[in-house]
N, C-alpha and C. Protein backbone atom coordinates (compact mmCIF):
# COMPACT_ATOMS: atom_id res chain seq x y z
N LEU A 1 -5.88 17.11 -1.75
CA LEU A 1 -4.70 16.28 -1.57
C LEU A 1 -3.75 16.37 -2.75
N GLY A 2 -4.22 16.88 -3.88
CA GLY A 2 -3.35 17.00 -5.04
C GLY A 2 -3.13 15.70 -5.78
N TYR A 3 -3.96 14.71 -5.51
CA TYR A 3 -3.79 13.41 -6.15
C TYR A 3 -4.25 13.43 -7.59
N LEU A 4 -5.34 14.15 -7.85
CA LEU A 4 -5.90 14.22 -9.19
C LEU A 4 -5.69 15.61 -9.77
N PRO A 5 -5.51 15.69 -11.08
CA PRO A 5 -5.39 17.01 -11.71
C PRO A 5 -6.67 17.81 -11.54
N ALA A 6 -6.52 19.12 -11.44
CA ALA A 6 -7.69 19.99 -11.32
C ALA A 6 -8.53 19.93 -12.59
N ASN A 7 -7.87 19.72 -13.72
CA ASN A 7 -8.56 19.64 -15.01
C ASN A 7 -9.24 18.27 -15.11
N ALA A 8 -10.56 18.28 -15.13
CA ALA A 8 -11.35 17.04 -15.13
C ALA A 8 -11.05 16.15 -16.33
N SER A 9 -10.68 16.74 -17.44
CA SER A 9 -10.43 15.94 -18.65
C SER A 9 -9.17 15.08 -18.51
N ARG A 10 -8.29 15.42 -17.59
CA ARG A 10 -7.06 14.65 -17.40
C ARG A 10 -7.16 13.66 -16.25
N ARG A 11 -8.26 13.67 -15.52
CA ARG A 11 -8.38 12.82 -14.33
C ARG A 11 -8.35 11.34 -14.66
N GLU A 12 -9.08 10.92 -15.67
CA GLU A 12 -9.14 9.49 -15.99
C GLU A 12 -7.75 8.97 -16.35
N HIS A 13 -7.02 9.73 -17.14
CA HIS A 13 -5.66 9.32 -17.50
C HIS A 13 -4.77 9.25 -16.25
N ALA A 14 -4.90 10.25 -15.37
CA ALA A 14 -4.08 10.27 -14.16
C ALA A 14 -4.41 9.07 -13.27
N LEU A 15 -5.69 8.75 -13.11
CA LEU A 15 -6.08 7.59 -12.31
C LEU A 15 -5.56 6.29 -12.91
N ASP A 16 -5.66 6.16 -14.23
CA ASP A 16 -5.14 4.97 -14.90
C ASP A 16 -3.64 4.82 -14.65
N ARG A 17 -2.91 5.93 -14.76
CA ARG A 17 -1.47 5.91 -14.55
C ARG A 17 -1.12 5.55 -13.11
N LYS A 18 -1.80 6.16 -12.14
CA LYS A 18 -1.54 5.88 -10.73
C LYS A 18 -1.86 4.42 -10.39
N ARG A 19 -2.95 3.90 -10.93
CA ARG A 19 -3.31 2.50 -10.67
C ARG A 19 -2.27 1.56 -11.27
N SER A 20 -1.79 1.90 -12.46
CA SER A 20 -0.76 1.09 -13.10
C SER A 20 0.54 1.12 -12.28
N GLU A 21 0.91 2.29 -11.79
CA GLU A 21 2.10 2.42 -10.96
C GLU A 21 1.96 1.59 -9.69
N TYR A 22 0.76 1.57 -9.10
CA TYR A 22 0.52 0.80 -7.89
C TYR A 22 0.64 -0.70 -8.17
N ARG A 23 0.05 -1.16 -9.27
CA ARG A 23 0.16 -2.58 -9.63
C ARG A 23 1.62 -2.97 -9.85
N ASP A 24 2.39 -2.10 -10.50
CA ASP A 24 3.82 -2.36 -10.70
C ASP A 24 4.56 -2.43 -9.37
N ALA A 25 4.20 -1.53 -8.45
CA ALA A 25 4.86 -1.51 -7.14
C ALA A 25 4.54 -2.77 -6.34
N ILE A 26 3.32 -3.27 -6.47
CA ILE A 26 2.96 -4.52 -5.79
C ILE A 26 3.86 -5.65 -6.29
N ALA A 27 4.01 -5.74 -7.59
CA ALA A 27 4.86 -6.80 -8.16
C ALA A 27 6.32 -6.62 -7.77
N GLN A 28 6.78 -5.39 -7.70
CA GLN A 28 8.19 -5.13 -7.41
C GLN A 28 8.53 -5.27 -5.93
N HIS A 29 7.64 -4.83 -5.06
CA HIS A 29 7.97 -4.76 -3.64
C HIS A 29 7.22 -5.73 -2.73
N TYR A 30 6.00 -6.10 -3.10
CA TYR A 30 5.16 -6.84 -2.16
C TYR A 30 5.04 -8.32 -2.50
N ASP A 31 4.74 -8.63 -3.74
CA ASP A 31 4.55 -10.02 -4.16
C ASP A 31 5.87 -10.68 -4.52
N ILE A 32 6.79 -10.66 -3.56
CA ILE A 32 8.11 -11.27 -3.76
C ILE A 32 8.41 -12.18 -2.57
N ASP A 33 9.37 -13.06 -2.74
CA ASP A 33 9.78 -13.94 -1.64
C ASP A 33 10.48 -13.13 -0.56
N ASP A 34 10.26 -13.51 0.68
CA ASP A 34 10.88 -12.79 1.78
C ASP A 34 12.41 -12.85 1.72
N ASP A 35 12.96 -13.93 1.18
CA ASP A 35 14.42 -14.04 1.14
C ASP A 35 15.05 -13.09 0.11
N THR A 36 14.25 -12.44 -0.73
CA THR A 36 14.79 -11.46 -1.67
C THR A 36 14.72 -10.04 -1.11
N ARG A 37 14.09 -9.88 0.05
CA ARG A 37 14.00 -8.56 0.67
C ARG A 37 15.28 -8.27 1.46
N THR A 38 15.65 -7.00 1.50
CA THR A 38 16.78 -6.61 2.34
C THR A 38 16.34 -6.69 3.80
N MET A 39 17.28 -6.63 4.70
CA MET A 39 16.96 -6.65 6.13
C MET A 39 16.06 -5.45 6.48
N GLN A 40 16.34 -4.31 5.89
CA GLN A 40 15.53 -3.11 6.16
C GLN A 40 14.10 -3.32 5.66
N GLU A 41 13.95 -3.91 4.48
CA GLU A 41 12.61 -4.18 3.95
C GLU A 41 11.86 -5.18 4.82
N GLN A 42 12.57 -6.19 5.29
CA GLN A 42 11.95 -7.18 6.18
C GLN A 42 11.48 -6.53 7.48
N GLU A 43 12.29 -5.66 8.03
CA GLU A 43 11.93 -4.96 9.26
C GLU A 43 10.76 -4.01 9.03
N THR A 44 10.75 -3.33 7.90
CA THR A 44 9.64 -2.44 7.57
C THR A 44 8.34 -3.22 7.44
N LEU A 45 8.39 -4.34 6.74
CA LEU A 45 7.21 -5.18 6.58
C LEU A 45 6.74 -5.70 7.93
N ARG A 46 7.66 -6.15 8.76
CA ARG A 46 7.30 -6.63 10.08
C ARG A 46 6.60 -5.54 10.89
N GLN A 47 7.15 -4.33 10.84
CA GLN A 47 6.56 -3.24 11.60
C GLN A 47 5.17 -2.88 11.07
N VAL A 48 5.00 -2.87 9.77
CA VAL A 48 3.69 -2.60 9.19
C VAL A 48 2.69 -3.65 9.64
N LEU A 49 3.09 -4.92 9.60
CA LEU A 49 2.19 -6.00 9.99
C LEU A 49 1.84 -5.96 11.48
N VAL A 50 2.72 -5.39 12.29
CA VAL A 50 2.43 -5.20 13.71
C VAL A 50 1.47 -4.02 13.89
N ASP A 51 1.67 -2.97 13.12
CA ASP A 51 0.88 -1.74 13.29
C ASP A 51 -0.53 -1.83 12.73
N VAL A 52 -0.71 -2.56 11.65
CA VAL A 52 -2.03 -2.60 11.00
C VAL A 52 -3.15 -3.02 11.95
N PRO A 53 -3.01 -4.08 12.72
CA PRO A 53 -4.09 -4.45 13.64
C PRO A 53 -4.38 -3.39 14.71
N ARG A 54 -3.40 -2.53 14.98
CA ARG A 54 -3.59 -1.48 15.98
C ARG A 54 -4.23 -0.23 15.39
N THR A 55 -4.46 -0.22 14.09
CA THR A 55 -5.06 0.93 13.43
C THR A 55 -6.56 0.97 13.73
N ALA A 56 -6.96 1.96 14.48
CA ALA A 56 -8.36 2.20 14.82
C ALA A 56 -9.11 0.90 15.11
N PRO A 57 -8.69 0.15 16.14
CA PRO A 57 -9.31 -1.14 16.42
C PRO A 57 -10.80 -1.04 16.78
N ASP A 58 -11.24 0.15 17.18
CA ASP A 58 -12.65 0.33 17.53
C ASP A 58 -13.53 0.59 16.31
N VAL A 59 -12.93 0.78 15.15
CA VAL A 59 -13.68 1.01 13.92
C VAL A 59 -13.87 -0.33 13.20
N VAL A 60 -15.11 -0.71 12.96
CA VAL A 60 -15.43 -2.01 12.38
C VAL A 60 -14.72 -2.23 11.04
N LEU A 61 -14.63 -1.20 10.23
CA LEU A 61 -13.99 -1.31 8.92
C LEU A 61 -12.58 -1.89 9.04
N PHE A 62 -11.83 -1.44 10.04
CA PHE A 62 -10.44 -1.86 10.17
C PHE A 62 -10.29 -3.23 10.83
N ARG A 63 -11.38 -3.87 11.17
CA ARG A 63 -11.33 -5.23 11.69
C ARG A 63 -11.50 -6.26 10.58
N ASP A 64 -11.85 -5.81 9.40
CA ASP A 64 -12.06 -6.69 8.25
C ASP A 64 -10.69 -7.14 7.71
N ASP A 65 -10.52 -8.45 7.54
CA ASP A 65 -9.23 -8.99 7.09
C ASP A 65 -8.81 -8.47 5.72
N ARG A 66 -9.78 -8.29 4.82
CA ARG A 66 -9.43 -7.76 3.48
C ARG A 66 -8.91 -6.34 3.58
N ILE A 67 -9.53 -5.54 4.43
CA ILE A 67 -9.10 -4.16 4.62
C ILE A 67 -7.72 -4.13 5.26
N ARG A 68 -7.51 -4.97 6.24
CA ARG A 68 -6.19 -5.02 6.90
C ARG A 68 -5.10 -5.44 5.92
N LYS A 69 -5.40 -6.41 5.07
CA LYS A 69 -4.41 -6.85 4.09
C LYS A 69 -4.11 -5.72 3.09
N ALA A 70 -5.14 -5.06 2.61
CA ALA A 70 -4.96 -3.95 1.66
C ALA A 70 -4.19 -2.80 2.31
N LEU A 71 -4.53 -2.48 3.56
CA LEU A 71 -3.84 -1.40 4.27
C LEU A 71 -2.36 -1.76 4.48
N GLY A 72 -2.10 -2.99 4.87
CA GLY A 72 -0.71 -3.41 5.06
C GLY A 72 0.09 -3.34 3.78
N ARG A 73 -0.51 -3.80 2.69
CA ARG A 73 0.16 -3.75 1.39
C ARG A 73 0.44 -2.30 0.99
N LEU A 74 -0.56 -1.46 1.14
CA LEU A 74 -0.42 -0.05 0.77
C LEU A 74 0.66 0.65 1.61
N LEU A 75 0.63 0.44 2.92
CA LEU A 75 1.62 1.08 3.78
C LEU A 75 3.02 0.59 3.51
N TYR A 76 3.16 -0.71 3.27
CA TYR A 76 4.50 -1.25 2.99
C TYR A 76 5.04 -0.68 1.67
N ILE A 77 4.21 -0.69 0.65
CA ILE A 77 4.66 -0.15 -0.64
C ILE A 77 5.00 1.32 -0.53
N TRP A 78 4.20 2.07 0.21
CA TRP A 78 4.48 3.50 0.39
C TRP A 78 5.82 3.68 1.09
N ALA A 79 6.09 2.84 2.08
CA ALA A 79 7.36 2.93 2.80
C ALA A 79 8.56 2.59 1.91
N CYS A 80 8.34 1.73 0.93
CA CYS A 80 9.44 1.32 0.03
C CYS A 80 9.75 2.38 -1.02
N ARG A 81 8.85 3.28 -1.25
CA ARG A 81 9.05 4.28 -2.31
C ARG A 81 10.20 5.21 -2.01
């Protein structure tokens, strides 16, 4: 997938950086009041929240509320990038 560097010695740094970027994105895009979102962001969030429960409903993992919340957060942040 190209997410981690091929060089193993740089992987820990890359993971730390990616995790930090994700935490920053949560604060910037997800953990905000709805009235500060643009109409497009509100519509994107609404669509993500509609789609998440439809994600592989026959797979037990995706019926877990924590997994659904994490998936929704991840998809919304990815869409905002």
